[in-house]
């Protein structure tokens, strides 16, 4: 840059020098802005495509696993001599759904980092799985037609021959899930890196603009002001400085304030973004655009920095005239004159609202995916998806009263949607049984906590990891008599204790296959009795204090036709 300016100085007049450099700066900043916007658009499109494929693959995986379980149960029932025709029909139906599941799984592998490896494993898994199912169909039909005395021997022979195929099928399937999880985590890491790179690029462009501004002010002073001899030269210089200022104004949001923070200058871009006119801004304190989401401490730190004659850099959420937000990556530079005092402050900003909103959109998509996965488990047992939403809302009320940070409240709200995800691995005959479960059925039902934990625990995503703990511990009891680990008191995760009460409150007030909805007074009496037994006493006290909020949530998020005894 210095060599370029020296050559420029030797080859042309002051006026032409500044005009050429001003044009180059404008073109550079415009080109960088277009590059950033195009890159962000490509990142968003790729992430949405890959994210959609990942969700489709997860659903297909669950579908295949569910039908393999159905086939195992139906085969066992036939071997035991139960409902031959009905179970044969179930096996054949499940086989068709598994074929469809593999087709969906194959389609979801498109564009993935491990695509070829996944497709090869899926092909092998499909061959082995269908071989296992066809072998099962052949053997059970053969067994059905055999003499009663031969059935036991044939059943043992079938288990010996089928077990290696079943194990090989499940091994392939586990490898597929592992590789798909690695692929999705790699996708998220690449996406986060791309977002980070773009933010750093935006920051670099802003710093570059500020640096160029400072260099050119010095350049203008040394090469123009000191060398002006005539009024004509002065007028030429003023015109060039106006053009340079215009180049900066066209590519940034610029404002100046005096040492007290009163606005003395704003450019057109500032007015456009903030929705205020220049007349409404000049002479006003800069907090006219301050958003309530920005803490007092953040502004204290800002003022402390620039009063010490250091520049301040950071992301600021400002408020438009209509009350909405916009986000700017900001550099505030104190302008120090010869006697060492600060004359004014100049702020150069880059609007990054699109980038922030894109990040929020991705977060929102993640939340919706988790909620919909949670709803899958609920609809398996003939519950509405509203149960997941209500449990999340009840949990937020309790967490807020416990004094948790907003970040932890949001984490609990999102993760609680996964509390019953393990139910996708439980048979429909148990989930939707109209009467009381047998001891054997209840033991299998209890496994939904462990299965839910195993589904989620290996994820690197913080929300899913938290959901794994909630799924595992939300049936533990405060007195240590719960399951699966009989944890006691504060050994139980706080989020699981909160979700436990929220889940029971909503379940008792809902009609299920095995019971009618309870009256609100019955529910309150039950939860009071379980204080210190099933539930954390402090959480019960909050529930009783906030019961009207719980009732309001229950009514607000209930589908039409859902019975309420509130």
Protein backbone atom coordinates (compact mmCIF):
# COMPACT_ATOMS: atom_id res chain seq x y z
CA UNK A 1 0.00 0.00 0.00
CA UNK A 2 2.85 2.43 0.93
CA UNK A 3 4.75 1.66 -2.30
CA UNK A 4 1.56 2.15 -4.28
CA UNK A 5 0.94 5.56 -2.67
CA UNK A 6 4.57 6.63 -3.32
CA UNK A 7 4.26 5.75 -7.02
CA UNK A 8 0.95 7.55 -7.14
CA UNK A 9 2.54 10.61 -5.49
CA UNK A 10 5.33 10.74 -8.10
CA UNK A 11 3.15 10.21 -11.13
CA UNK A 12 0.15 12.50 -10.82
CA UNK A 13 -1.32 15.55 -9.13
CA UNK A 14 -2.75 15.59 -5.58
CA UNK A 15 -6.27 15.92 -6.91
CA UNK A 16 -5.99 12.96 -9.27
CA UNK A 17 -4.26 10.86 -6.64
CA UNK A 18 -7.14 11.13 -4.18
CA UNK A 19 -9.79 10.62 -6.84
CA UNK A 20 -8.14 7.39 -8.03
CA UNK A 21 -7.65 6.01 -4.51
CA UNK A 22 -11.22 6.96 -3.47
CA UNK A 23 -12.60 5.06 -6.47
CA UNK A 24 -10.37 2.05 -5.69
CA UNK A 25 -11.50 2.01 -2.04
CA UNK A 26 -15.17 2.17 -3.07
CA UNK A 27 -14.75 -0.67 -5.57
CA UNK A 28 -12.82 -2.77 -3.03
CA UNK A 29 -15.43 -2.42 -0.30
CA UNK A 30 -18.29 -3.03 -2.73
CA UNK A 31 -16.61 -6.17 -4.05
CA UNK A 32 -15.99 -7.50 -0.55
CA UNK A 33 -19.62 -6.90 0.43
CA UNK A 34 -20.88 -8.85 -2.59
CA UNK A 35 -18.47 -11.70 -1.87
CA UNK A 36 -19.68 -11.97 1.73
CA UNK A 37 -23.38 -11.93 0.75
CA UNK A 38 -22.89 -14.61 -1.93
CA UNK A 39 -20.89 -16.82 0.44
CA UNK A 40 -23.52 -16.53 3.19
CA UNK A 41 -26.26 -17.46 0.72
CA UNK A 42 -24.36 -20.58 -0.41
CA UNK A 43 -23.67 -21.64 3.19
CA UNK A 44 -27.36 -21.31 4.10
CA UNK A 45 -28.52 -23.32 1.06
CA UNK A 46 -26.03 -26.14 1.71
CA UNK A 47 -26.82 -26.33 5.42
CA UNK A 48 -30.60 -26.47 4.84
CA UNK A 49 -30.11 -29.24 2.23
CA UNK A 50 -27.82 -31.30 4.46
CA UNK A 51 -29.98 -30.68 7.53
CA UNK A 52 -33.09 -31.94 5.69
CA UNK A 53 -31.23 -35.07 4.56
CA UNK A 54 -30.04 -35.70 8.12
CA UNK A 55 -33.60 -35.54 9.52
CA UNK A 56 -34.92 -37.84 6.77
CA UNK A 57 -32.10 -40.31 7.47
CA UNK A 58 -32.85 -40.26 11.23
CA UNK A 59 -36.56 -40.96 10.63
CA UNK A 60 -35.71 -43.80 8.20
CA UNK A 61 -33.31 -45.28 10.77
CA UNK A 62 -35.99 -45.26 13.48
CA UNK A 63 -38.47 -46.82 11.05
CA UNK A 64 -36.12 -49.72 10.19
CA UNK A 65 -35.28 -50.35 13.85
CA UNK A 66 -38.97 -50.35 14.82
CA UNK A 67 -39.90 -52.87 12.13
CA UNK A 68 -36.95 -55.15 12.96
CA UNK A 69 -38.30 -55.24 16.53
CA UNK A 70 -41.78 -56.07 15.20
CA UNK A 71 -40.38 -58.94 13.13
CA UNK A 72 -38.47 -60.35 16.11
CA UNK A 73 -41.60 -60.29 18.28
CA UNK A 74 -43.84 -61.75 15.59
CA UNK A 75 -41.33 -64.54 14.86
CA UNK A 76 -41.15 -65.37 18.56
CA UNK A 77 -44.96 -65.43 18.81
CA UNK A 78 -45.23 -67.86 15.88
CA UNK A 79 -42.53 -70.09 17.38
CA UNK A 80 -44.63 -70.18 20.54
CA UNK A 81 -47.68 -71.20 18.49
CA UNK A 82 -49.57 -67.90 18.64
CA UNK A 83 -51.68 -66.33 15.81
CA UNK A 84 -49.76 -67.70 12.80
CA UNK A 85 -51.63 -65.89 9.99
CA UNK A 86 -51.73 -62.55 11.82
CA UNK A 87 -48.01 -62.63 12.67
CA UNK A 88 -47.03 -63.73 9.14
CA UNK A 89 -48.93 -60.68 7.84
CA UNK A 90 -47.07 -58.44 10.34
CA UNK A 91 -43.67 -59.81 9.24
CA UNK A 92 -44.45 -59.29 5.54
CA UNK A 93 -45.77 -55.76 6.18
CA UNK A 94 -42.70 -54.91 8.27
CA UNK A 95 -40.45 -56.26 5.49
CA UNK A 96 -42.05 -53.88 2.98
CA UNK A 97 -41.60 -50.94 5.37
CA UNK A 98 -37.93 -51.88 5.93
CA UNK A 99 -37.34 -51.89 2.14
CA UNK A 100 -38.94 -48.43 1.99
CA UNK A 101 -36.80 -47.34 4.98
CA UNK A 102 -33.59 -48.37 3.20
CA UNK A 103 -34.69 -46.44 0.10
CA UNK A 104 -35.21 -43.30 2.22
CA UNK A 105 -31.90 -43.90 4.01
CA UNK A 106 -30.12 -44.25 0.68
CA UNK A 107 -31.63 -40.98 -0.60
CA UNK A 108 -30.61 -39.13 2.58
CA UNK A 109 -26.90 -39.98 2.01
CA UNK A 110 -26.64 -37.56 -0.96
CA UNK A 111 -24.00 -34.87 -0.53
CA UNK A 112 -22.54 -36.29 2.69
CA UNK A 113 -18.84 -36.44 3.51
CA UNK A 114 -19.01 -40.23 3.96
CA UNK A 115 -21.56 -40.84 1.17
CA UNK A 116 -19.77 -43.74 -0.60
CA UNK A 117 -18.94 -45.55 2.65
CA UNK A 118 -22.54 -45.15 3.90
CA UNK A 119 -24.04 -46.38 0.62
CA UNK A 120 -21.77 -49.47 0.64
CA UNK A 121 -22.74 -50.27 4.24
CA UNK A 122 -26.44 -49.68 3.50
CA UNK A 123 -26.28 -52.07 0.52
CA UNK A 124 -24.68 -54.79 2.66
CA UNK A 125 -27.02 -54.12 5.56
CA UNK A 126 -30.07 -54.32 3.29
CA UNK A 127 -28.93 -57.64 1.79
CA UNK A 128 -28.20 -59.22 5.16
CA UNK A 129 -31.35 -57.80 6.79
CA UNK A 130 -33.67 -59.05 4.03
CA UNK A 131 -31.89 -62.42 4.05
CA UNK A 132 -32.55 -62.61 7.80
CA UNK A 133 -36.25 -61.71 7.33
CA UNK A 134 -36.74 -64.14 4.41
CA UNK A 135 -35.03 -66.90 6.40
CA UNK A 136 -37.35 -66.12 9.33
CA UNK A 137 -40.45 -66.32 7.07
CA UNK A 138 -39.31 -69.61 5.55
CA UNK A 139 -38.52 -71.20 8.91
CA UNK A 140 -41.73 -70.13 10.67
CA UNK A 141 -43.85 -71.42 7.80
CA UNK A 142 -41.89 -74.68 7.86
CA UNK A 143 -42.29 -74.88 11.64
CA UNK A 144 -46.04 -74.25 11.40
CA UNK A 145 -46.49 -77.29 9.13
CA UNK A 146 -44.19 -79.57 11.19
CA UNK A 147 -45.19 -82.11 13.80
CA UNK A 148 -45.53 -80.86 17.35
CA UNK A 149 -42.67 -83.14 18.48
CA UNK A 150 -40.28 -81.63 15.93
CA UNK A 151 -41.08 -77.98 16.63
CA UNK A 152 -38.72 -77.57 19.61
CA UNK A 153 -35.77 -79.02 17.66
CA UNK A 154 -36.56 -76.87 14.58
CA UNK A 155 -36.93 -73.76 16.76
CA UNK A 156 -33.45 -74.34 18.25
CA UNK A 157 -32.03 -74.95 14.76
CA UNK A 158 -33.64 -71.72 13.53
CA UNK A 159 -32.14 -69.67 16.39
CA UNK A 160 -28.69 -71.14 15.67
CA UNK A 161 -28.88 -70.32 11.94
CA UNK A 162 -30.66 -66.94 12.19
CA UNK A 163 -28.68 -65.38 15.05
CA UNK A 164 -25.46 -64.73 12.99
CA UNK A 165 -27.53 -63.08 10.23
CA UNK A 166 -29.42 -60.94 12.74
CA UNK A 167 -26.20 -59.92 14.49
CA UNK A 168 -24.48 -59.12 11.18
CA UNK A 169 -27.49 -57.00 10.13
CA UNK A 170 -27.48 -55.05 13.39
CA UNK A 171 -23.67 -54.56 13.18
CA UNK A 172 -23.99 -53.02 9.71
CA UNK A 173 -26.88 -50.86 10.92
CA UNK A 174 -24.91 -49.57 13.94
CA UNK A 175 -21.99 -48.67 11.63
CA UNK A 176 -24.38 -46.72 9.39
CA UNK A 177 -25.75 -44.76 12.36
CA UNK A 178 -22.22 -44.05 13.63
CA UNK A 179 -21.03 -42.77 10.25
CA UNK A 180 -24.21 -40.67 9.76
CA UNK A 181 -23.70 -39.10 13.21
CA UNK A 182 -20.05 -38.35 12.37
CA UNK A 183 -21.17 -36.83 9.05
CA UNK A 184 -23.78 -34.57 10.67
CA UNK A 185 -21.31 -33.39 13.34
CA UNK A 186 -18.74 -32.68 10.59
CA UNK A 187 -21.39 -30.70 8.71
CA UNK A 188 -22.14 -28.58 11.79
CA UNK A 189 -18.43 -27.99 12.44
CA UNK A 190 -17.90 -26.87 8.84
CA UNK A 191 -20.94 -24.63 8.99
CA UNK A 192 -19.84 -23.00 12.27
CA UNK A 193 -16.36 -22.50 10.81
CA UNK A 194 -17.84 -20.87 7.69
CA UNK A 195 -19.93 -18.51 9.85
CA UNK A 196 -16.89 -17.67 11.98
CA UNK A 197 -14.78 -17.03 8.86
CA UNK A 198 -17.43 -14.69 7.45
CA UNK A 199 -17.68 -12.75 10.70
CA UNK A 200 -13.88 -12.40 10.78
CA UNK A 201 -14.00 -11.25 7.16
CA UNK A 202 -16.62 -8.60 7.99
CA UNK A 203 -14.51 -7.44 10.93
CA UNK A 204 -11.41 -7.31 8.74
CA UNK A 205 -13.22 -5.20 6.14
CA UNK A 206 -14.39 -2.78 8.84
CA UNK A 207 -10.90 -2.51 10.33
CA UNK A 208 -9.51 -2.03 6.82
CA UNK A 209 -11.95 0.82 6.19
CA UNK A 210 -11.02 2.43 9.52
CA UNK A 211 -7.31 1.98 8.78
CA UNK A 212 -7.66 3.46 5.32
CA UNK A 213 -9.58 6.36 6.79
CA UNK A 214 -6.80 7.11 9.29
CA UNK A 215 -4.04 6.69 6.66
CA UNK A 216 -5.81 9.00 4.27
CA UNK A 217 -6.44 11.63 6.94
CA UNK A 218 -2.71 11.66 7.63
CA UNK A 219 -2.01 11.59 3.91
CA UNK A 220 -4.38 14.48 3.33
CA UNK A 221 -2.79 16.47 6.13
CA UNK A 222 0.83 15.89 5.02
CA UNK A 223 0.29 16.16 1.30
CA UNK A 224 -2.52 18.68 1.00
CA UNK A 225 -2.95 21.01 3.97
CA UNK A 226 0.76 21.77 4.37
CA UNK A 227 1.23 22.20 0.63
CA UNK A 228 -1.80 24.36 -0.13
CA UNK A 229 -0.62 27.71 -1.36
CA UNK A 230 -3.68 29.07 -3.06
CA UNK A 231 -7.42 29.19 -2.59
CA UNK A 232 -7.82 27.07 -5.69
CA UNK A 233 -5.74 24.27 -4.16
CA UNK A 234 -7.75 24.52 -0.93
CA UNK A 235 -11.02 24.20 -2.82
CA UNK A 236 -9.67 21.21 -4.76
CA UNK A 237 -8.62 19.56 -1.51
CA UNK A 238 -12.00 20.12 0.11
CA UNK A 239 -13.67 18.58 -2.91
CA UNK A 240 -11.42 15.53 -2.74
CA UNK A 241 -12.05 15.11 0.99
CA UNK A 242 -15.78 15.24 0.33
CA UNK A 243 -15.39 12.46 -2.23
CA UNK A 244 -13.31 10.40 0.19
CA UNK A 245 -15.90 10.89 2.92
CA UNK A 246 -18.55 9.83 0.43
CA UNK A 247 -16.63 6.61 -0.31
CA UNK A 248 -16.55 5.81 3.42
CA UNK A 249 -20.21 6.79 3.88
CA UNK A 250 -21.37 4.62 1.00
CA UNK A 251 -19.79 1.48 2.44
CA UNK A 252 -20.34 1.90 6.20
CA UNK A 253 -22.69 3.18 8.90
CA UNK A 254 -20.90 6.23 10.29
CA UNK A 255 -21.58 8.60 13.17
CA UNK A 256 -19.66 11.10 15.30
CA UNK A 257 -20.31 12.24 18.86
CA UNK A 258 -18.74 14.81 21.14
CA UNK A 259 -16.98 13.76 24.34
CA UNK A 260 -20.34 13.69 26.19
CA UNK A 261 -21.93 11.24 23.74
CA UNK A 262 -24.10 13.78 21.93
CA UNK A 263 -24.54 13.01 18.23
CA UNK A 264 -22.88 15.56 15.96
CA UNK A 265 -22.93 13.69 12.65
CA UNK A 266 -24.68 10.72 11.01
CA UNK A 267 -24.47 9.54 7.42
CA UNK A 268 -27.37 8.48 5.19
CA UNK A 269 -26.80 4.78 5.89
CA UNK A 270 -27.13 5.45 9.63
CA UNK A 271 -30.48 7.17 9.04
CA UNK A 272 -31.67 4.42 6.70
CA UNK A 273 -30.90 1.61 9.12
CA UNK A 274 -32.12 3.37 12.30
CA UNK A 275 -35.25 4.84 10.59
CA UNK A 276 -34.56 8.25 12.19
CA UNK A 277 -34.07 11.40 10.17
CA UNK A 278 -30.85 13.36 10.52
CA UNK A 279 -32.78 16.18 12.21
CA UNK A 280 -34.14 13.74 14.81
CA UNK A 281 -30.65 12.46 15.63
CA UNK A 282 -28.32 15.49 15.67
CA UNK A 283 -28.04 16.91 19.18
CA UNK A 284 -29.52 13.79 20.81
CA UNK A 285 -27.61 11.47 23.17
CA UNK A 286 -26.41 8.34 21.40
CA UNK A 287 -28.60 6.13 23.62
CA UNK A 288 -31.57 7.20 21.47
CA UNK A 289 -30.83 4.00 19.51
CA UNK A 290 -29.81 1.91 22.50
CA UNK A 291 -31.67 -1.41 22.79
CA UNK A 292 -32.78 -2.70 26.20
CA UNK A 293 -31.10 -6.03 25.43
CA UNK A 294 -27.71 -4.34 25.77
CA UNK A 295 -26.68 -4.31 29.42
CA UNK A 296 -25.56 -1.26 31.39
CA UNK A 297 -22.24 -3.01 32.05
CA UNK A 298 -21.54 -3.36 28.33
CA UNK A 299 -21.87 0.39 27.83
CA UNK A 300 -19.76 1.12 30.92
CA UNK A 301 -17.00 -1.01 29.45
CA UNK A 302 -17.32 0.79 26.11
CA UNK A 303 -17.02 4.27 27.65
CA UNK A 304 -14.17 3.20 29.90
CA UNK A 305 -12.22 1.99 26.86
CA UNK A 306 -12.64 5.03 24.63
CA UNK A 307 -12.02 7.48 27.51
CA UNK A 308 -8.66 5.79 27.96
CA UNK A 309 -7.96 6.78 24.32
CA UNK A 310 -8.22 3.21 23.08
CA UNK A 311 -10.51 2.04 20.30
CA UNK A 312 -13.45 -0.20 21.23
CA UNK A 313 -14.62 -3.06 19.02
CA UNK A 314 -17.65 -5.31 19.40
CA UNK A 315 -21.13 -6.33 18.25
CA UNK A 316 -23.98 -4.05 19.35
CA UNK A 317 -27.73 -4.60 19.20
CA UNK A 318 -29.41 -1.25 18.44
CA UNK A 319 -33.07 -0.23 18.35
CA UNK A 320 -34.78 1.21 15.28
CA UNK A 321 -37.38 3.94 15.52
CA UNK A 322 -40.16 1.33 15.19
CA UNK A 323 -38.72 -0.61 18.14
CA UNK A 324 -37.22 -3.49 16.14
CA UNK A 325 -33.59 -4.58 16.44
CA UNK A 326 -30.59 -4.38 14.16
CA UNK A 327 -27.06 -5.64 14.81
CA UNK A 328 -23.82 -3.88 13.89
CA UNK A 329 -20.17 -4.90 14.10
CA UNK A 330 -18.71 -1.68 15.49
CA UNK A 331 -15.39 0.12 15.90
CA UNK A 332 -15.42 3.33 17.95
CA UNK A 333 -12.28 5.45 17.67
CA UNK A 334 -11.49 8.41 19.96
CA UNK A 335 -10.04 11.29 17.91
CA UNK A 336 -7.08 12.70 19.88
CA UNK A 337 -5.68 16.12 18.98
CA UNK A 338 -2.13 17.51 19.45
CA UNK A 339 -2.51 18.46 23.12
CA UNK A 340 -3.49 14.87 23.94
CA UNK A 341 -7.15 15.57 24.61
CA UNK A 342 -10.07 13.79 22.92
CA UNK A 343 -11.91 16.03 20.50
CA UNK A 344 -14.67 13.62 19.42
CA UNK A 345 -15.49 9.98 18.75
CA UNK A 346 -16.08 8.43 15.36
CA UNK A 347 -17.94 5.13 15.02
CA UNK A 348 -17.72 2.96 11.90
CA UNK A 349 -20.16 0.06 11.72
CA UNK A 350 -21.11 -2.80 9.46
CA UNK A 351 -24.70 -4.06 9.45
CA UNK A 352 -24.60 -7.79 10.30
CA UNK A 353 -28.33 -8.20 10.98
CA UNK A 354 -28.67 -10.77 8.17
CA UNK A 355 -25.85 -12.84 9.63
CA UNK A 356 -27.34 -12.74 13.15
CA UNK A 357 -30.84 -13.57 11.86
CA UNK A 358 -29.40 -16.45 9.80
CA UNK A 359 -27.80 -17.83 12.95
CA UNK A 360 -31.12 -17.42 14.81
CA UNK A 361 -32.94 -19.17 11.95
CA UNK A 362 -30.56 -22.13 12.19
CA UNK A 363 -31.10 -22.27 15.98
CA UNK A 364 -34.87 -22.09 15.45
CA UNK A 365 -34.68 -24.92 12.90
CA UNK A 366 -32.74 -27.01 15.39
CA UNK A 367 -35.38 -26.36 18.09
CA UNK A 368 -38.20 -27.31 15.71
CA UNK A 369 -36.42 -30.54 14.71
CA UNK A 370 -35.98 -31.52 18.37
CA UNK A 371 -39.64 -30.74 19.13
CA UNK A 372 -40.82 -32.79 16.17
CA UNK A 373 -38.61 -35.72 17.17
CA UNK A 374 -40.13 -35.48 20.66
CA UNK A 375 -43.61 -35.44 19.12
CA UNK A 376 -42.86 -38.70 17.29
CA UNK A 377 -42.49 -40.47 20.64
CA UNK A 378 -45.69 -38.90 21.99
CA UNK A 379 -47.82 -39.78 18.95
CA UNK A 380 -46.64 -43.40 19.27
CA UNK A 381 -48.67 -43.64 22.50
CA UNK A 382 -51.69 -41.77 21.08
CA UNK A 383 -50.80 -38.46 22.73
CA UNK A 384 -50.82 -35.12 20.95
CA UNK A 385 -47.69 -33.13 20.19
CA UNK A 386 -49.11 -30.46 22.51
CA UNK A 387 -47.83 -32.50 25.47
CA UNK A 388 -44.22 -31.80 24.44
CA UNK A 389 -44.90 -28.07 24.08
CA UNK A 390 -46.70 -27.85 27.44
CA UNK A 391 -43.97 -29.72 29.33
CA UNK A 392 -41.44 -27.26 27.90
CA UNK A 393 -43.56 -24.27 28.99
CA UNK A 394 -44.15 -25.64 32.52
CA UNK A 395 -40.41 -26.30 32.83
CA UNK A 396 -39.61 -22.70 31.89
CA UNK A 397 -41.90 -21.39 34.66
CA UNK A 398 -40.17 -23.55 37.29
CA UNK A 399 -36.64 -22.80 36.02
CA UNK A 400 -37.30 -19.06 36.07
CA UNK A 401 -38.50 -19.22 39.68
CA UNK A 402 -35.38 -21.19 40.60
CA UNK A 403 -33.32 -18.24 39.32
CA UNK A 404 -31.66 -20.03 36.41
CA UNK A 405 -30.05 -17.94 33.66
CA UNK A 406 -31.97 -17.36 30.44
CA UNK A 407 -29.43 -19.52 28.61
CA UNK A 408 -30.14 -22.48 30.93
CA UNK A 409 -33.89 -21.88 30.77
CA UNK A 410 -33.76 -22.07 26.96
CA UNK A 411 -31.55 -25.18 27.14
CA UNK A 412 -34.06 -26.92 29.44
CA UNK A 413 -37.03 -25.86 27.29
CA UNK A 414 -35.47 -27.35 24.13
CA UNK A 415 -34.02 -30.50 25.75
CA UNK A 416 -37.21 -31.42 27.65
CA UNK A 417 -38.90 -32.21 24.30
CA UNK A 418 -36.77 -35.38 24.20
CA UNK A 419 -37.80 -36.74 27.63
CA UNK A 420 -39.85 -39.65 26.19
CA UNK A 421 -37.89 -40.25 22.96
CA UNK A 422 -37.10 -43.80 24.15
CA UNK A 423 -40.77 -44.74 23.65
CA UNK A 424 -40.11 -45.17 19.93
CA UNK A 425 -38.39 -48.43 20.88
CA UNK A 426 -41.36 -49.73 22.94
CA UNK A 427 -44.03 -51.91 21.34
CA UNK A 428 -47.38 -50.29 20.47
CA UNK A 429 -49.16 -53.11 22.28
CA UNK A 430 -47.59 -51.89 25.53
CA UNK A 431 -47.73 -48.15 24.89
CA UNK A 432 -51.40 -48.20 23.98
CA UNK A 433 -52.66 -51.00 26.18
CA UNK A 434 -56.05 -49.92 27.61
CA UNK A 435 -55.65 -51.79 30.88
CA UNK A 436 -53.00 -52.16 33.56
CA UNK A 437 -49.61 -53.45 32.39
CA UNK A 438 -48.37 -56.83 33.58
CA UNK A 439 -45.13 -56.94 35.57
CA UNK A 440 -43.28 -58.07 32.44
CA UNK A 441 -44.84 -55.31 30.32
CA UNK A 442 -44.04 -52.68 32.93
CA UNK A 443 -40.39 -53.76 33.03
CA UNK A 444 -40.22 -53.34 29.26
CA UNK A 445 -41.94 -49.93 29.50
CA UNK A 446 -39.32 -48.81 32.04
CA UNK A 447 -36.63 -49.46 29.41
CA UNK A 448 -37.71 -46.32 27.52
CA UNK A 449 -35.50 -44.26 29.86
CA UNK A 450 -32.38 -46.28 29.06
CA UNK A 451 -33.18 -46.52 25.35
CA UNK A 452 -33.73 -42.78 25.14
CA UNK A 453 -30.37 -42.17 26.82
CA UNK A 454 -28.59 -44.57 24.45
CA UNK A 455 -30.14 -42.84 21.41
CA UNK A 456 -28.94 -39.38 22.44
CA UNK A 457 -25.87 -39.75 24.66
CA UNK A 458 -23.20 -39.93 21.94
CA UNK A 459 -24.16 -36.60 20.37
CA UNK A 460 -21.78 -33.63 20.67
CA UNK A 461 -24.72 -31.24 20.56
CA UNK A 462 -25.31 -29.64 23.98
CA UNK A 463 -29.11 -29.71 23.72
CA UNK A 464 -29.18 -33.39 22.72
CA UNK A 465 -26.70 -34.30 25.50
CA UNK A 466 -28.96 -32.54 28.01
CA UNK A 467 -31.97 -34.35 26.53
CA UNK A 468 -30.16 -37.65 27.08
CA UNK A 469 -29.82 -36.94 30.83
CA UNK A 470 -33.47 -35.85 31.12
CA UNK A 471 -34.67 -38.96 29.23
CA UNK A 472 -32.58 -41.17 31.53
CA UNK A 473 -33.48 -39.63 34.91
CA UNK A 474 -36.99 -38.14 34.65
CA UNK A 475 -38.52 -41.27 36.27
CA UNK A 476 -36.15 -41.21 39.25
CA UNK A 477 -37.91 -40.32 42.51
CA UNK A 478 -36.70 -37.86 45.11
CA UNK A 479 -36.88 -40.57 47.82
CA UNK A 480 -34.68 -42.96 45.81
CA UNK A 481 -37.37 -45.47 44.76
CA UNK A 482 -37.52 -44.53 41.08
CA UNK A 483 -35.81 -46.02 38.03
CA UNK A 484 -33.52 -46.85 36.29
CA UNK A 485 -30.73 -46.14 38.86
CA UNK A 486 -32.73 -45.39 42.04
CA UNK A 487 -30.98 -42.04 42.40
CA UNK A 488 -32.01 -39.91 45.36
CA UNK A 489 -32.47 -36.21 46.11
CA UNK A 490 -29.99 -33.91 44.41
CA UNK A 491 -28.17 -36.88 42.89
CA UNK A 492 -30.92 -36.57 40.27
CA UNK A 493 -30.16 -33.95 37.62
CA UNK A 494 -32.02 -30.65 38.29
CA UNK A 495 -33.45 -30.55 34.75
CA UNK A 496 -34.76 -34.12 35.18
CA UNK A 497 -36.40 -33.18 38.51
CA UNK A 498 -38.12 -30.21 36.87
CA UNK A 499 -39.26 -32.23 33.84
CA UNK A 500 -40.53 -35.03 36.10
CA UNK A 501 -43.13 -32.80 37.78
CA UNK A 502 -44.06 -31.02 34.54
CA UNK A 503 -44.54 -34.37 32.76
CA UNK A 504 -46.68 -35.92 35.55
CA UNK A 505 -48.86 -32.79 35.91
CA UNK A 506 -49.67 -32.78 32.21
CA UNK A 507 -50.10 -36.55 31.96
CA UNK A 508 -52.55 -36.71 34.89
CA UNK A 509 -54.69 -34.03 33.28
CA UNK A 510 -54.82 -35.90 29.96
CA UNK A 511 -56.93 -38.82 28.82
CA UNK A 512 -54.76 -41.83 28.00
CA UNK A 513 -55.51 -45.32 26.73
CA UNK A 514 -55.36 -46.67 30.27
CA UNK A 515 -57.07 -43.86 32.22
CA UNK A 516 -59.36 -40.84 32.14
CA UNK A 517 -58.17 -37.27 32.71
CA UNK A 518 -57.98 -36.25 36.37
CA UNK A 519 -59.67 -33.20 37.83
CA UNK A 520 -57.30 -30.31 38.65
CA UNK A 521 -58.02 -30.64 42.38
CA UNK A 522 -57.15 -34.32 42.30
CA UNK A 523 -53.85 -33.50 40.57
CA UNK A 524 -52.94 -30.84 43.14
CA UNK A 525 -53.69 -33.19 46.05
CA UNK A 526 -51.58 -35.95 44.46
CA UNK A 527 -48.56 -33.68 43.84
CA UNK A 528 -48.79 -32.31 47.42
CA UNK A 529 -48.72 -35.88 48.76
CA UNK A 530 -45.68 -36.67 46.63
CA UNK A 531 -43.66 -33.70 48.00
CA UNK A 532 -40.32 -35.15 49.10
CA UNK A 533 -41.32 -38.60 47.81
CA UNK A 534 -41.65 -38.53 44.04
CA UNK A 535 -40.84 -34.83 43.60
CA UNK A 536 -38.29 -32.27 44.80
CA UNK A 537 -39.99 -30.29 47.64
CA UNK A 538 -38.74 -26.94 46.34
CA UNK A 539 -40.15 -27.65 42.87
CA UNK A 540 -43.50 -28.71 44.36
CA UNK A 541 -43.65 -25.41 46.30
CA UNK A 542 -43.03 -23.45 43.10
CA UNK A 543 -45.73 -25.48 41.33
CA UNK A 544 -48.29 -24.72 44.03
CA UNK A 545 -47.37 -21.02 43.99
CA UNK A 546 -47.59 -20.83 40.19
CA UNK A 547 -50.57 -23.18 39.69
CA UNK A 548 -52.57 -20.54 37.78
CA UNK A 549 -49.75 -20.17 35.25
CA UNK A 550 -49.71 -23.95 34.81
CA UNK A 551 -53.48 -23.98 34.20
CA UNK A 552 -53.17 -21.09 31.72
CA UNK A 553 -50.45 -22.97 29.77
CA UNK A 554 -52.54 -26.15 29.81
CA UNK A 555 -55.51 -24.35 28.24
CA UNK A 556 -53.46 -22.26 25.81
CA UNK A 557 -51.64 -25.20 24.26
CA UNK A 558 -54.46 -27.74 24.07
CA UNK A 559 -55.87 -28.95 20.76
CA UNK A 560 -59.54 -28.53 19.91
CA UNK A 561 -61.49 -31.45 21.28
CA UNK A 562 -58.99 -32.35 23.96
CA UNK A 563 -60.83 -32.85 27.21
CA UNK A 564 -59.91 -30.53 30.11
CA UNK A 565 -61.06 -30.91 33.72
CA UNK A 566 -59.57 -27.54 34.66
